[in-house]
Amino acid sequence: MIAVDEHTSIGCWVHDISAQDVEIVVPDASLVPDVFLLTSSAQESIKVCRTLWRTDEMIGARHL
């Protein structure tokens, strides 16, 4: 899940993840800000990420 702000979240699918980077599939990448929180209920984790690139439905980001 991507937390856009304290009131808005966007569902996502993590396509690929490494120690520093992540590729995420979302319905509309234009709604995701340049810096966002990536949360995982399965891993009980929250990561601050910075967008490196985006297409219509994918985002490449780096963990900060």
C-alpha atoms as a PDB file:
ATOM      1  CA  MET A   1       0.000   0.000   0.000  1.00  0.00           C
ATOM      2  CA  ILE A   2       1.265   3.485  -0.837  1.00  0.00           C
ATOM      3  CA  ALA A   3       0.441   6.220   1.662  1.00  0.00           C
ATOM      4  CA  VAL A   4       0.057   9.417  -0.362  1.00  0.00           C
ATOM      5  CA  ASP A   5      -0.762  11.501   2.723  1.00  0.00           C
ATOM      6  CA  GLU A   6      -2.385  10.958   6.124  1.00  0.00           C
ATOM      7  CA  HIS A   7      -5.824  10.544   4.501  1.00  0.00           C
ATOM      8  CA  THR A   8      -5.110   8.819   1.172  1.00  0.00           C
ATOM      9  CA  SER A   9      -3.676   5.398   0.306  1.00  0.00           C
ATOM     10  CA  ILE A  10      -3.311   3.629  -3.039  1.00  0.00           C
ATOM     11  CA  GLY A  11      -3.267  -0.127  -3.463  1.00  0.00           C
ATOM     12  CA  CYS A  12      -0.219  -1.464  -5.294  1.00  0.00           C
ATOM     13  CA  TRP A  13       1.576  -4.622  -6.332  1.00  0.00           C
ATOM     14  CA  VAL A  14       5.335  -4.883  -5.710  1.00  0.00           C
ATOM     15  CA  HIS A  15       6.768  -6.196  -8.968  1.00  0.00           C
ATOM     16  CA  ASP A  16      10.436  -6.332  -7.937  1.00  0.00           C
ATOM     17  CA  ILE A  17      12.310  -5.373  -4.783  1.00  0.00           C
ATOM     18  CA  SER A  18      15.976  -5.229  -3.816  1.00  0.00           C
ATOM     19  CA  ALA A  19      17.897  -3.856  -0.839  1.00  0.00           C
ATOM     20  CA  GLN A  20      17.665  -0.293  -2.225  1.00  0.00           C
ATOM     21  CA  ASP A  21      15.110  -0.204  -5.041  1.00  0.00           C
ATOM     22  CA  VAL A  22      11.548  -1.277  -5.734  1.00  0.00           C
ATOM     23  CA  GLU A  23       9.322  -1.497  -8.830  1.00  0.00           C
ATOM     24  CA  ILE A  24       5.639  -1.019  -8.086  1.00  0.00           C
ATOM     25  CA  VAL A  25       2.528  -1.475 -10.233  1.00  0.00           C
ATOM     26  CA  VAL A  26      -0.336   0.947  -9.483  1.00  0.00           C
ATOM     27  CA  PRO A  27      -3.597   1.812 -11.273  1.00  0.00           C
ATOM     28  CA  ASP A  28      -2.434   5.402 -11.981  1.00  0.00           C
ATOM     29  CA  ALA A  29       1.202   6.327 -11.299  1.00  0.00           C
ATOM     30  CA  SER A  30       0.465  10.035 -11.708  1.00  0.00           C
ATOM     31  CA  LEU A  31      -1.349   9.973  -8.333  1.00  0.00           C
ATOM     32  CA  VAL A  32       1.795   8.902  -6.454  1.00  0.00           C
ATOM     33  CA  PRO A  33       3.984  11.774  -5.180  1.00  0.00           C
ATOM     34  CA  ASP A  34       7.751  11.939  -5.673  1.00  0.00           C
ATOM     35  CA  VAL A  35       8.286  10.916  -2.023  1.00  0.00           C
ATOM     36  CA  PHE A  36       5.877   8.433  -0.437  1.00  0.00           C
ATOM     37  CA  LEU A  37       5.495   5.769   2.237  1.00  0.00           C
ATOM     38  CA  LEU A  38       5.385   2.143   1.110  1.00  0.00           C
ATOM     39  CA  THR A  39       3.700  -0.054   3.694  1.00  0.00           C
ATOM     40  CA  SER A  40       3.470  -3.824   3.895  1.00  0.00           C
ATOM     41  CA  SER A  41       1.062  -5.502   6.281  1.00  0.00           C
ATOM     42  CA  ALA A  42       2.621  -8.894   5.504  1.00  0.00           C
ATOM     43  CA  GLN A  43       6.084  -7.724   6.610  1.00  0.00           C
ATOM     44  CA  GLU A  44       4.793  -5.110   9.068  1.00  0.00           C
ATOM     45  CA  SER A  45       7.141  -2.535   7.549  1.00  0.00           C
ATOM     46  CA  ILE A  46       7.047   1.081   6.431  1.00  0.00           C
ATOM     47  CA  LYS A  47       9.629   2.463   4.006  1.00  0.00           C
ATOM     48  CA  VAL A  48      10.089   6.029   2.817  1.00  0.00           C
ATOM     49  CA  CYS A  49      10.679   5.944  -0.950  1.00  0.00           C
ATOM     50  CA  ARG A  50      11.660   8.468  -3.627  1.00  0.00           C
ATOM     51  CA  THR A  51      10.332   8.017  -7.168  1.00  0.00           C
ATOM     52  CA  LEU A  52      13.135   7.527  -9.725  1.00  0.00           C
ATOM     53  CA  TRP A  53      10.967   6.962 -12.811  1.00  0.00           C
ATOM     54  CA  ARG A  54       7.351   6.309 -13.719  1.00  0.00           C
ATOM     55  CA  THR A  55       5.159   5.118 -16.578  1.00  0.00           C
ATOM     56  CA  ASP A  56       1.352   5.153 -16.658  1.00  0.00           C
ATOM     57  CA  GLU A  57       1.082   2.168 -14.293  1.00  0.00           C
ATOM     58  CA  MET A  58       4.595   1.526 -12.912  1.00  0.00           C
ATOM     59  CA  ILE A  59       6.944   3.321 -10.558  1.00  0.00           C
ATOM     60  CA  GLY A  60      10.616   2.730  -9.919  1.00  0.00           C
ATOM     61  CA  ALA A  61      11.655   4.034  -6.509  1.00  0.00           C
ATOM     62  CA  ARG A  62      14.560   4.000  -4.056  1.00  0.00           C
ATOM     63  CA  HIS A  63      14.266   3.383  -0.316  1.00  0.00           C
ATOM     64  CA  LEU A  64      15.545   6.402   1.619  1.00  0.00           C
END
